[in-house]
């Protein structure tokens, strides 16, 4: 895997997470920002490798959010 692919996934995961967390508490404290960024990174990296795109679907985003929920 190329370093540029990894860097692209990291960039978009961080950017996406930062956008989602621009409000003070967008998920009422129920979602871990760090966990969400990691889940987004993994999904974006998978999409880059499998489909040559950094875009994720609404369903993929929802899964990442659900998996980042704080118990």
Protein backbone atom coordinates (compact mmCIF):
# COMPACT_ATOMS: atom_id res chain seq x y z
CA UNK A 1 0.00 0.00 0.00
CA UNK A 2 1.30 3.42 -0.87
CA UNK A 3 2.00 5.99 1.79
CA UNK A 4 -0.04 8.50 -0.21
CA UNK A 5 -3.11 6.25 0.14
CA UNK A 6 -2.63 6.05 3.89
CA UNK A 7 -2.07 9.81 4.13
CA UNK A 8 -5.20 10.48 2.07
CA UNK A 9 -7.30 8.27 4.35
CA UNK A 10 -5.88 9.95 7.46
CA UNK A 11 -6.52 13.42 6.04
CA UNK A 12 -10.15 12.74 5.14
CA UNK A 13 -10.87 10.93 8.40
CA UNK A 14 -9.51 13.86 10.41
CA UNK A 15 -11.25 16.43 8.22
CA UNK A 16 -14.57 14.59 8.41
CA UNK A 17 -14.36 14.17 12.17
CA UNK A 18 -13.42 17.81 12.68
CA UNK A 19 -16.39 18.90 10.56
CA UNK A 20 -18.79 16.68 12.51
CA UNK A 21 -17.46 18.00 15.81
CA UNK A 22 -17.50 21.72 14.91
CA UNK A 23 -20.46 22.16 17.23
CA UNK A 24 -19.74 21.84 20.93
CA UNK A 25 -21.45 18.50 21.46
CA UNK A 26 -23.07 17.22 18.25
CA UNK A 27 -23.81 13.75 19.58
CA UNK A 28 -24.69 14.81 23.13
CA UNK A 29 -21.48 13.26 24.41
CA UNK A 30 -22.41 9.76 23.21
CA UNK A 31 -19.77 9.43 20.46
CA UNK A 32 -16.01 9.34 20.96
CA UNK A 33 -14.29 11.73 18.57
CA UNK A 34 -11.07 9.70 18.62
CA UNK A 35 -12.89 6.43 17.97
CA UNK A 36 -14.94 7.97 15.18
CA UNK A 37 -11.81 9.30 13.49
CA UNK A 38 -10.24 5.82 13.63
CA UNK A 39 -13.41 4.14 12.27
CA UNK A 40 -13.62 6.70 9.46
CA UNK A 41 -9.95 6.19 8.66
CA UNK A 42 -10.44 2.42 8.34
CA UNK A 43 -13.54 2.82 6.16
CA UNK A 44 -11.97 5.45 3.91
CA UNK A 45 -8.81 3.38 3.54
CA UNK A 46 -10.91 0.35 2.58
CA UNK A 47 -12.83 2.42 0.02
CA UNK A 48 -9.59 3.79 -1.44
CA UNK A 49 -8.15 0.31 -1.84
CA UNK A 50 -11.32 -1.41 -3.03
CA UNK A 51 -13.00 1.35 -5.05
CA UNK A 52 -10.36 4.05 -5.59
CA UNK A 53 -12.45 6.67 -3.79
CA UNK A 54 -12.22 8.44 -0.44
CA UNK A 55 -15.98 8.95 -0.36
CA UNK A 56 -18.10 7.01 2.09
CA UNK A 57 -21.81 6.34 1.91
CA UNK A 58 -24.35 7.58 4.42
CA UNK A 59 -24.73 3.98 5.59
CA UNK A 60 -20.97 3.61 6.10
CA UNK A 61 -20.89 6.86 8.06
CA UNK A 62 -23.75 5.69 10.27
CA UNK A 63 -21.95 2.41 10.98
CA UNK A 64 -18.81 4.34 11.96
CA UNK A 65 -20.85 6.56 14.28
CA UNK A 66 -22.63 3.57 15.83
CA UNK A 67 -19.32 1.76 16.41
CA UNK A 68 -17.93 4.88 18.11
CA UNK A 69 -20.76 5.20 20.61
CA UNK A 70 -19.60 5.46 24.22
CA UNK A 71 -21.25 2.87 26.44
